[in-house]
């Protein structure tokens, strides 16, 4: 077992290999977001810390959920 640095949790070698495989399929992007106190990045950092995850991971989760929700909303609208 390997100790996850950020999470402080133990993860298996299989999990590490699975994460590495997934990472190879990801495409890096650059976004400009409002910074400073009360900005989007500060808010994401605070909320992510409460969940025990990194802020970039948290933003990625939010984006994924929002896109999935929008696709579903458009599908429902097109059926009307």
PDB file of N, CA and C in Angstrom:
ATOM      1  N   UNK A   1       0.836  -1.185   0.000  1.00  0.00           N
ATOM      2  CA  UNK A   1       0.000   0.000   0.000  1.00  0.00           C
ATOM      3  C   UNK A   1       0.882   1.250   0.000  1.00  0.00           C
ATOM      4  N   UNK A   2       0.373   2.300  -0.617  1.00  0.00           N
ATOM      5  CA  UNK A   2       1.105   3.552  -0.721  1.00  0.00           C
ATOM      6  C   UNK A   2       0.315   4.633   0.003  1.00  0.00           C
ATOM      7  N   UNK A   3       1.001   5.462   0.749  1.00  0.00           N
ATOM      8  CA  UNK A   3       0.338   6.533   1.486  1.00  0.00           C
ATOM      9  C   UNK A   3       0.121   7.719   0.554  1.00  0.00           C
ATOM     10  N   UNK A   4      -1.164   8.154   0.384  1.00  0.00           N
ATOM     11  CA  UNK A   4      -1.473   9.335  -0.412  1.00  0.00           C
ATOM     12  C   UNK A   4      -1.044  10.576   0.352  1.00  0.00           C
ATOM     13  N   UNK A   5      -0.246  11.431  -0.244  1.00  0.00           N
ATOM     14  CA  UNK A   5       0.289  12.585   0.473  1.00  0.00           C
ATOM     15  C   UNK A   5      -0.798  13.574   0.864  1.00  0.00           C
ATOM     16  N   UNK A   6      -1.634  13.971  -0.061  1.00  0.00           N
ATOM     17  CA  UNK A   6      -2.637  14.989   0.227  1.00  0.00           C
ATOM     18  C   UNK A   6      -3.770  14.436   1.076  1.00  0.00           C
ATOM     19  N   UNK A   7      -4.275  13.276   0.711  1.00  0.00           N
ATOM     20  CA  UNK A   7      -5.435  12.719   1.390  1.00  0.00           C
ATOM     21  C   UNK A   7      -5.080  12.125   2.743  1.00  0.00           C
ATOM     22  N   UNK A   8      -3.830  11.743   2.932  1.00  0.00           N
ATOM     23  CA  UNK A   8      -3.444  11.079   4.162  1.00  0.00           C
ATOM     24  C   UNK A   8      -4.055   9.699   4.282  1.00  0.00           C
ATOM     25  N   UNK A   9      -4.438   9.127   3.143  1.00  0.00           N
ATOM     26  CA  UNK A   9      -5.064   7.811   3.117  1.00  0.00           C
ATOM     27  C   UNK A   9      -4.158   6.833   2.395  1.00  0.00           C
ATOM     28  N   UNK A  10      -4.296   5.575   2.724  1.00  0.00           N
ATOM     29  CA  UNK A  10      -3.531   4.528   2.069  1.00  0.00           C
ATOM     30  C   UNK A  10      -4.276   4.073   0.825  1.00  0.00           C
ATOM     31  N   UNK A  11      -3.553   3.979  -0.303  1.00  0.00           N
ATOM     32  CA  UNK A  11      -4.166   3.516  -1.546  1.00  0.00           C
ATOM     33  C   UNK A  11      -3.339   2.348  -2.085  1.00  0.00           C
ATOM     34  N   UNK A  12      -3.988   1.495  -2.843  1.00  0.00           N
ATOM     35  CA  UNK A  12      -3.302   0.309  -3.361  1.00  0.00           C
ATOM     36  C   UNK A  12      -2.493   0.651  -4.606  1.00  0.00           C
ATOM     37  N   UNK A  13      -1.574  -0.224  -4.934  1.00  0.00           N
ATOM     38  CA  UNK A  13      -0.783  -0.057  -6.149  1.00  0.00           C
ATOM     39  C   UNK A  13      -1.692  -0.078  -7.367  1.00  0.00           C
ATOM     40  N   UNK A  14      -2.739  -0.906  -7.353  1.00  0.00           N
ATOM     41  CA  UNK A  14      -3.697  -0.961  -8.464  1.00  0.00           C
ATOM     42  C   UNK A  14      -4.362   0.398  -8.668  1.00  0.00           C
ATOM     43  N   UNK A  15      -4.701   1.074  -7.559  1.00  0.00           N
ATOM     44  CA  UNK A  15      -5.303   2.405  -7.661  1.00  0.00           C
ATOM     45  C   UNK A  15      -4.319   3.407  -8.255  1.00  0.00           C
ATOM     46  N   UNK A  16      -3.068   3.317  -7.843  1.00  0.00           N
ATOM     47  CA  UNK A  16      -2.037   4.207  -8.378  1.00  0.00           C
ATOM     48  C   UNK A  16      -1.886   3.991  -9.876  1.00  0.00           C
ATOM     49  N   UNK A  17      -1.853   2.747 -10.312  1.00  0.00           N
ATOM     50  CA  UNK A  17      -1.713   2.446 -11.737  1.00  0.00           C
ATOM     51  C   UNK A  17      -2.939   2.913 -12.529  1.00  0.00           C
ATOM     52  N   UNK A  18      -4.127   2.750 -11.952  1.00  0.00           N
ATOM     53  CA  UNK A  18      -5.358   3.200 -12.609  1.00  0.00           C
ATOM     54  C   UNK A  18      -5.354   4.718 -12.764  1.00  0.00           C
ATOM     55  N   UNK A  19      -4.929   5.424 -11.731  1.00  0.00           N
ATOM     56  CA  UNK A  19      -4.841   6.891 -11.813  1.00  0.00           C
ATOM     57  C   UNK A  19      -3.839   7.319 -12.878  1.00  0.00           C
ATOM     58  N   UNK A  20      -2.715   6.608 -12.968  1.00  0.00           N
ATOM     59  CA  UNK A  20      -1.693   6.930 -13.970  1.00  0.00           C
ATOM     60  C   UNK A  20      -2.246   6.715 -15.377  1.00  0.00           C
ATOM     61  N   UNK A  21      -3.020   5.646 -15.565  1.00  0.00           N
ATOM     62  CA  UNK A  21      -3.618   5.375 -16.875  1.00  0.00           C
ATOM     63  C   UNK A  21      -4.608   6.481 -17.252  1.00  0.00           C
ATOM     64  N   UNK A  22      -5.424   6.900 -16.298  1.00  0.00           N
ATOM     65  CA  UNK A  22      -6.394   7.970 -16.536  1.00  0.00           C
ATOM     66  C   UNK A  22      -5.677   9.278 -16.852  1.00  0.00           C
ATOM     67  N   UNK A  23      -4.634   9.579 -16.102  1.00  0.00           N
ATOM     68  CA  UNK A  23      -3.892  10.818 -16.300  1.00  0.00           C
ATOM     69  C   UNK A  23      -3.331  10.915 -17.715  1.00  0.00           C
ATOM     70  N   UNK A  24      -2.955   9.785 -18.285  1.00  0.00           N
ATOM     71  CA  UNK A  24      -2.406   9.768 -19.644  1.00  0.00           C
ATOM     72  C   UNK A  24      -3.451  10.190 -20.670  1.00  0.00           C
ATOM     73  N   UNK A  25      -4.752  10.064 -20.352  1.00  0.00           N
ATOM     74  CA  UNK A  25      -5.807  10.435 -21.296  1.00  0.00           C
ATOM     75  C   UNK A  25      -6.281  11.871 -21.117  1.00  0.00           C
ATOM     76  N   UNK A  26      -5.798  12.564 -20.091  1.00  0.00           N
ATOM     77  CA  UNK A  26      -6.249  13.923 -19.811  1.00  0.00           C
ATOM     78  C   UNK A  26      -5.499  14.939 -20.655  1.00  0.00           C
ATOM     79  N   UNK A  27      -6.213  15.993 -21.042  1.00  0.00           N
ATOM     80  CA  UNK A  27      -5.607  17.063 -21.824  1.00  0.00           C
ATOM     81  C   UNK A  27      -5.503  18.303 -20.938  1.00  0.00           C
ATOM     82  N   UNK A  28      -4.313  18.838 -20.774  1.00  0.00           N
ATOM     83  CA  UNK A  28      -4.167  20.037 -19.945  1.00  0.00           C
ATOM     84  C   UNK A  28      -4.778  21.253 -20.631  1.00  0.00           C
ATOM     85  N   UNK A  29      -5.423  22.107 -19.850  1.00  0.00           N
ATOM     86  CA  UNK A  29      -5.990  23.360 -20.355  1.00  0.00           C
ATOM     87  C   UNK A  29      -5.598  24.490 -19.407  1.00  0.00           C
ATOM     88  N   UNK A  30      -5.673  25.704 -19.908  1.00  0.00           N
ATOM     89  CA  UNK A  30      -5.384  26.878 -19.098  1.00  0.00           C
ATOM     90  C   UNK A  30      -6.624  27.755 -19.074  1.00  0.00           C
ATOM     91  N   UNK A  31      -7.036  28.153 -17.887  1.00  0.00           N
ATOM     92  CA  UNK A  31      -8.181  29.039 -17.711  1.00  0.00           C
ATOM     93  C   UNK A  31      -7.744  30.243 -16.891  1.00  0.00           C
ATOM     94  N   UNK A  32      -8.311  31.376 -17.177  1.00  0.00           N
ATOM     95  CA  UNK A  32      -8.083  32.557 -16.353  1.00  0.00           C
ATOM     96  C   UNK A  32      -9.335  32.749 -15.512  1.00  0.00           C
ATOM     97  N   UNK A  33      -9.168  32.670 -14.194  1.00  0.00           N
ATOM     98  CA  UNK A  33     -10.284  32.786 -13.264  1.00  0.00           C
ATOM     99  C   UNK A  33     -10.021  33.938 -12.308  1.00  0.00           C
ATOM    100  N   UNK A  34     -11.104  34.553 -11.815  1.00  0.00           N
ATOM    101  CA  UNK A  34     -10.921  35.632 -10.839  1.00  0.00           C
ATOM    102  C   UNK A  34     -10.165  35.129  -9.608  1.00  0.00           C
ATOM    103  N   UNK A  35      -9.146  35.864  -9.207  1.00  0.00           N
ATOM    104  CA  UNK A  35      -8.362  35.491  -8.029  1.00  0.00           C
ATOM    105  C   UNK A  35      -8.647  36.448  -6.885  1.00  0.00           C
ATOM    106  N   UNK A  36      -7.743  36.497  -5.965  1.00  0.00           N
ATOM    107  CA  UNK A  36      -7.894  37.384  -4.819  1.00  0.00           C
ATOM    108  C   UNK A  36      -8.898  36.859  -3.806  1.00  0.00           C
ATOM    109  N   UNK A  37      -9.034  37.584  -2.722  1.00  0.00           N
ATOM    110  CA  UNK A  37      -9.977  37.201  -1.672  1.00  0.00           C
ATOM    111  C   UNK A  37     -11.386  37.223  -2.218  1.00  0.00           C
ATOM    112  N   UNK A  38     -12.114  36.130  -2.033  1.00  0.00           N
ATOM    113  CA  UNK A  38     -13.490  36.060  -2.496  1.00  0.00           C
ATOM    114  C   UNK A  38     -13.619  35.714  -3.967  1.00  0.00           C
ATOM    115  N   UNK A  39     -12.483  35.575  -4.681  1.00  0.00           N
ATOM    116  CA  UNK A  39     -12.525  35.202  -6.087  1.00  0.00           C
ATOM    117  C   UNK A  39     -12.821  33.721  -6.248  1.00  0.00           C
ATOM    118  N   UNK A  40     -13.022  33.307  -7.480  1.00  0.00           N
ATOM    119  CA  UNK A  40     -13.367  31.919  -7.759  1.00  0.00           C
ATOM    120  C   UNK A  40     -12.305  30.935  -7.268  1.00  0.00           C
ATOM    121  N   UNK A  41     -11.049  31.283  -7.444  1.00  0.00           N
ATOM    122  CA  UNK A  41      -9.985  30.366  -7.035  1.00  0.00           C
ATOM    123  C   UNK A  41      -9.955  30.231  -5.516  1.00  0.00           C
ATOM    124  N   UNK A  42     -10.071  31.353  -4.808  1.00  0.00           N
ATOM    125  CA  UNK A  42     -10.072  31.305  -3.343  1.00  0.00           C
ATOM    126  C   UNK A  42     -11.265  30.497  -2.836  1.00  0.00           C
ATOM    127  N   UNK A  43     -12.414  30.698  -3.467  1.00  0.00           N
ATOM    128  CA  UNK A  43     -13.609  29.951  -3.070  1.00  0.00           C
ATOM    129  C   UNK A  43     -13.422  28.465  -3.335  1.00  0.00           C
ATOM    130  N   UNK A  44     -12.891  28.124  -4.504  1.00  0.00           N
ATOM    131  CA  UNK A  44     -12.656  26.720  -4.848  1.00  0.00           C
ATOM    132  C   UNK A  44     -11.660  26.093  -3.878  1.00  0.00           C
ATOM    133  N   UNK A  45     -10.615  26.819  -3.527  1.00  0.00           N
ATOM    134  CA  UNK A  45      -9.627  26.300  -2.575  1.00  0.00           C
ATOM    135  C   UNK A  45     -10.283  26.000  -1.220  1.00  0.00           C
ATOM    136  N   UNK A  46     -11.105  26.938  -0.751  1.00  0.00           N
ATOM    137  CA  UNK A  46     -11.749  26.764   0.551  1.00  0.00           C
ATOM    138  C   UNK A  46     -12.701  25.572   0.539  1.00  0.00           C
ATOM    139  N   UNK A  47     -13.546  25.499  -0.483  1.00  0.00           N
ATOM    140  CA  UNK A  47     -14.520  24.407  -0.565  1.00  0.00           C
ATOM    141  C   UNK A  47     -13.834  23.054  -0.762  1.00  0.00           C
ATOM    142  N   UNK A  48     -12.787  23.040  -1.573  1.00  0.00           N
ATOM    143  CA  UNK A  48     -12.050  21.792  -1.809  1.00  0.00           C
ATOM    144  C   UNK A  48     -11.372  21.330  -0.530  1.00  0.00           C
ATOM    145  N   UNK A  49     -10.817  22.259   0.214  1.00  0.00           N
ATOM    146  CA  UNK A  49     -10.155  21.894   1.468  1.00  0.00           C
ATOM    147  C   UNK A  49     -11.148  21.266   2.440  1.00  0.00           C
ATOM    148  N   UNK A  50     -12.362  21.795   2.481  1.00  0.00           N
ATOM    149  CA  UNK A  50     -13.406  21.224   3.347  1.00  0.00           C
ATOM    150  C   UNK A  50     -13.719  19.783   2.952  1.00  0.00           C
ATOM    151  N   UNK A  51     -13.586  19.471   1.660  1.00  0.00           N
ATOM    152  CA  UNK A  51     -13.860  18.125   1.164  1.00  0.00           C
ATOM    153  C   UNK A  51     -12.623  17.231   1.192  1.00  0.00           C
ATOM    154  N   UNK A  52     -11.475  17.830   1.500  1.00  0.00           N
ATOM    155  CA  UNK A  52     -10.240  17.042   1.581  1.00  0.00           C
ATOM    156  C   UNK A  52      -9.648  16.697   0.231  1.00  0.00           C
ATOM    157  N   UNK A  53      -9.936  17.528  -0.786  1.00  0.00           N
ATOM    158  CA  UNK A  53      -9.377  17.294  -2.126  1.00  0.00           C
ATOM    159  C   UNK A  53      -8.684  18.556  -2.611  1.00  0.00           C
ATOM    160  N   UNK A  54      -7.904  18.443  -3.661  1.00  0.00           N
ATOM    161  CA  UNK A  54      -7.238  19.595  -4.246  1.00  0.00           C
ATOM    162  C   UNK A  54      -8.229  20.480  -4.994  1.00  0.00           C
ATOM    163  N   UNK A  55      -7.935  21.777  -5.058  1.00  0.00           N
ATOM    164  CA  UNK A  55      -8.877  22.703  -5.694  1.00  0.00           C
ATOM    165  C   UNK A  55      -9.015  22.457  -7.192  1.00  0.00           C
ATOM    166  N   UNK A  56      -7.962  22.022  -7.859  1.00  0.00           N
ATOM    167  CA  UNK A  56      -8.073  21.750  -9.290  1.00  0.00           C
ATOM    168  C   UNK A  56      -8.958  20.530  -9.527  1.00  0.00           C
ATOM    169  N   UNK A  57      -8.831  19.534  -8.683  1.00  0.00           N
ATOM    170  CA  UNK A  57      -9.707  18.367  -8.771  1.00  0.00           C
ATOM    171  C   UNK A  57     -11.147  18.784  -8.527  1.00  0.00           C
ATOM    172  N   UNK A  58     -11.364  19.639  -7.536  1.00  0.00           N
ATOM    173  CA  UNK A  58     -12.710  20.113  -7.215  1.00  0.00           C
ATOM    174  C   UNK A  58     -13.314  20.874  -8.404  1.00  0.00           C
ATOM    175  N   UNK A  59     -12.545  21.754  -9.022  1.00  0.00           N
ATOM    176  CA  UNK A  59     -13.030  22.499 -10.193  1.00  0.00           C
ATOM    177  C   UNK A  59     -13.364  21.534 -11.328  1.00  0.00           C
ATOM    178  N   UNK A  60     -12.522  20.517 -11.515  1.00  0.00           N
ATOM    179  CA  UNK A  60     -12.760  19.525 -12.573  1.00  0.00           C
ATOM    180  C   UNK A  60     -14.060  18.767 -12.316  1.00  0.00           C
ATOM    181  N   UNK A  61     -14.314  18.404 -11.066  1.00  0.00           N
ATOM    182  CA  UNK A  61     -15.555  17.710 -10.705  1.00  0.00           C
ATOM    183  C   UNK A  61     -16.760  18.602 -10.981  1.00  0.00           C
ATOM    184  N   UNK A  62     -16.678  19.863 -10.561  1.00  0.00           N
ATOM    185  CA  UNK A  62     -17.788  20.800 -10.790  1.00  0.00           C
ATOM    186  C   UNK A  62     -18.067  20.989 -12.277  1.00  0.00           C
ATOM    187  N   UNK A  63     -17.017  21.135 -13.068  1.00  0.00           N
ATOM    188  CA  UNK A  63     -17.182  21.307 -14.507  1.00  0.00           C
ATOM    189  C   UNK A  63     -17.835  20.074 -15.122  1.00  0.00           C
ATOM    190  N   UNK A  64     -17.364  18.901 -14.751  1.00  0.00           N
ATOM    191  CA  UNK A  64     -17.915  17.653 -15.279  1.00  0.00           C
ATOM    192  C   UNK A  64     -19.403  17.532 -14.942  1.00  0.00           C
ATOM    193  N   UNK A  65     -19.757  17.790 -13.678  1.00  0.00           N
ATOM    194  CA  UNK A  65     -21.156  17.694 -13.258  1.00  0.00           C
ATOM    195  C   UNK A  65     -22.026  18.713 -13.988  1.00  0.00           C
ATOM    196  N   UNK A  66     -21.522  19.917 -14.150  1.00  0.00           N
ATOM    197  CA  UNK A  66     -22.278  20.964 -14.835  1.00  0.00           C
ATOM    198  C   UNK A  66     -22.505  20.620 -16.305  1.00  0.00           C
ATOM    199  N   UNK A  67     -21.484  20.123 -16.980  1.00  0.00           N
ATOM    200  CA  UNK A  67     -21.622  19.736 -18.381  1.00  0.00           C
ATOM    201  C   UNK A  67     -22.607  18.590 -18.548  1.00  0.00           C
ATOM    202  N   UNK A  68     -22.512  17.591 -17.669  1.00  0.00           N
ATOM    203  CA  UNK A  68     -23.435  16.452 -17.719  1.00  0.00           C
ATOM    204  C   UNK A  68     -24.880  16.918 -17.504  1.00  0.00           C
ATOM    205  N   UNK A  69     -25.076  17.834 -16.573  1.00  0.00           N
ATOM    206  CA  UNK A  69     -26.407  18.377 -16.288  1.00  0.00           C
ATOM    207  C   UNK A  69     -26.948  19.156 -17.481  1.00  0.00           C
ATOM    208  N   UNK A  70     -26.105  19.937 -18.125  1.00  0.00           N
ATOM    209  CA  UNK A  70     -26.532  20.732 -19.284  1.00  0.00           C
ATOM    210  C   UNK A  70     -26.906  19.843 -20.463  1.00  0.00           C
ATOM    211  N   UNK A  71     -26.136  18.787 -20.695  1.00  0.00           N
ATOM    212  CA  UNK A  71     -26.458  17.844 -21.772  1.00  0.00           C
ATOM    213  C   UNK A  71     -27.815  17.195 -21.505  1.00  0.00           C
ATOM    214  N   UNK A  72     -28.061  16.805 -20.259  1.00  0.00           N
ATOM    215  CA  UNK A  72     -29.349  16.201 -19.899  1.00  0.00           C
ATOM    216  C   UNK A  72     -30.476  17.203 -20.076  1.00  0.00           C
ATOM    217  N   UNK A  73     -30.249  18.457 -19.691  1.00  0.00           N
ATOM    218  CA  UNK A  73     -31.279  19.495 -19.842  1.00  0.00           C
ATOM    219  C   UNK A  73     -31.601  19.719 -21.318  1.00  0.00           C
ATOM    220  N   UNK A  74     -30.590  19.764 -22.148  1.00  0.00           N
ATOM    221  CA  UNK A  74     -30.813  19.950 -23.591  1.00  0.00           C
ATOM    222  C   UNK A  74     -31.548  18.756 -24.184  1.00  0.00           C
ATOM    223  N   UNK A  75     -31.244  17.555 -23.735  1.00  0.00           N
ATOM    224  CA  UNK A  75     -31.922  16.353 -24.232  1.00  0.00           C
ATOM    225  C   UNK A  75     -33.405  16.393 -23.860  1.00  0.00           C
ATOM    226  N   UNK A  76     -33.709  16.820 -22.620  1.00  0.00           N
ATOM    227  CA  UNK A  76     -35.115  16.911 -22.207  1.00  0.00           C
ATOM    228  C   UNK A  76     -35.827  17.984 -23.024  1.00  0.00           C
ATOM    229  N   UNK A  77     -35.180  19.102 -23.279  1.00  0.00           N
ATOM    230  CA  UNK A  77     -35.782  20.195 -24.046  1.00  0.00           C
ATOM    231  C   UNK A  77     -36.052  19.794 -25.479  1.00  0.00           C
ATOM    232  N   UNK A  78     -35.190  18.978 -26.056  1.00  0.00           N
ATOM    233  CA  UNK A  78     -35.376  18.578 -27.461  1.00  0.00           C
ATOM    234  C   UNK A  78     -36.483  17.558 -27.623  1.00  0.00           C
ATOM    235  N   UNK A  79     -36.863  16.875 -26.546  1.00  0.00           N
ATOM    236  CA  UNK A  79     -37.962  15.895 -26.601  1.00  0.00           C
ATOM    237  C   UNK A  79     -39.326  16.553 -26.546  1.00  0.00           C
ATOM    238  N   UNK A  80     -39.362  17.818 -26.173  1.00  0.00           N
ATOM    239  CA  UNK A  80     -40.668  18.510 -26.032  1.00  0.00           C
ATOM    240  C   UNK A  80     -41.235  18.888 -27.374  1.00  0.00           C
TER     241      UNK A  80
END
